Amino acid sequence: MARECEKNGAFYSAIKRSPHGKQTVTTVDFVAELAKRNWHLSLREANQWIENNICTFRDISTQEGEERTFALFNPN
């Protein structure tokens, strides 16, 4: 049975780090990590979850649609 706390772990497992230190996560990668943990969300539901629960990442998508990209945001 899937547990709510597994969503955070799936999100952080989906993060990709560039050689320059930039950290990004795509909705597609997040949904794939969720599926490994027995969570089945649509891209839209995953985007809503990220927007509501992860305050340190901002949307940097360059195209319209549900396949979005989020990047680590440091306001300091």
Protein backbone atom coordinates (compact mmCIF):
# COMPACT_ATOMS: atom_id res chain seq x y z
CA MET A 1 0.00 0.00 0.00
CA ALA A 2 1.33 3.41 -0.96
CA ARG A 3 2.06 5.91 1.80
CA GLU A 4 1.78 9.68 1.56
CA CYS A 5 5.35 10.19 2.83
CA GLU A 6 6.71 8.33 -0.20
CA LYS A 7 5.82 11.27 -2.45
CA ASN A 8 8.59 13.41 -0.93
CA GLY A 9 11.12 10.64 -1.46
CA ALA A 10 9.99 10.19 -5.05
CA PHE A 11 10.35 13.92 -5.68
CA TYR A 12 13.89 14.08 -4.32
CA SER A 13 14.85 10.91 -6.21
CA ALA A 14 13.70 12.54 -9.45
CA ILE A 15 16.04 15.53 -9.07
CA LYS A 16 18.77 15.80 -11.71
CA ARG A 17 21.98 17.69 -10.94
CA SER A 18 23.98 19.34 -13.71
CA PRO A 19 27.79 19.55 -13.59
CA HIS A 20 27.38 23.25 -12.78
CA GLY A 21 25.28 22.51 -9.70
CA LYS A 22 21.85 23.39 -11.07
CA GLN A 23 19.13 21.08 -9.72
CA THR A 24 16.03 20.39 -11.81
CA VAL A 25 13.16 17.94 -11.81
CA THR A 26 10.65 17.24 -14.56
CA THR A 27 7.08 16.17 -14.00
CA VAL A 28 7.69 13.10 -16.18
CA ASP A 29 10.62 11.96 -13.99
CA PHE A 30 8.62 12.62 -10.82
CA VAL A 31 5.66 10.54 -12.08
CA ALA A 32 8.06 7.71 -13.01
CA GLU A 33 9.55 7.73 -9.50
CA LEU A 34 6.05 7.73 -8.01
CA ALA A 35 5.12 4.69 -10.10
CA LYS A 36 8.08 2.80 -8.59
CA ARG A 37 6.51 3.48 -5.18
CA ASN A 38 3.01 2.34 -6.22
CA TRP A 39 1.63 5.87 -6.69
CA HIS A 40 -0.15 6.57 -9.96
CA LEU A 41 -0.68 10.29 -10.55
CA SER A 42 -1.34 12.07 -13.81
CA LEU A 43 1.05 14.79 -14.94
CA ARG A 44 -1.52 17.40 -13.91
CA GLU A 45 -1.92 15.91 -10.42
CA ALA A 46 1.87 15.70 -10.03
CA ASN A 47 2.25 19.37 -11.02
CA GLN A 48 -0.38 20.37 -8.47
CA TRP A 49 1.33 18.33 -5.77
CA ILE A 50 4.71 19.96 -6.52
CA GLU A 51 3.20 23.45 -6.51
CA ASN A 52 1.41 22.85 -3.20
CA ASN A 53 4.10 20.94 -1.30
CA ILE A 54 7.53 21.97 -2.58
CA CYS A 55 8.31 25.65 -2.00
CA THR A 56 12.02 25.55 -2.95
CA PHE A 57 11.47 24.71 -6.64
CA ARG A 58 10.05 27.07 -9.28
CA ASP A 59 8.58 26.36 -12.71
CA ILE A 60 11.10 27.12 -15.49
CA SER A 61 9.24 25.38 -18.32
CA THR A 62 9.75 26.81 -21.80
CA GLN A 63 6.73 25.13 -23.37
CA GLU A 64 3.00 24.87 -22.70
CA GLY A 65 1.41 21.70 -21.36
CA GLU A 66 1.68 19.39 -18.40
CA GLU A 67 5.27 18.24 -19.00
CA ARG A 68 6.90 20.89 -16.86
CA THR A 69 10.38 21.49 -15.49
CA PHE A 70 11.10 22.85 -12.02
CA ALA A 71 14.43 24.24 -10.80
CA LEU A 72 15.79 24.78 -7.30
CA PHE A 73 15.14 28.37 -6.28
CA ASN A 74 17.24 30.17 -3.70
CA PRO A 75 15.84 33.59 -2.81
CA ASN A 76 18.91 34.52 -0.77
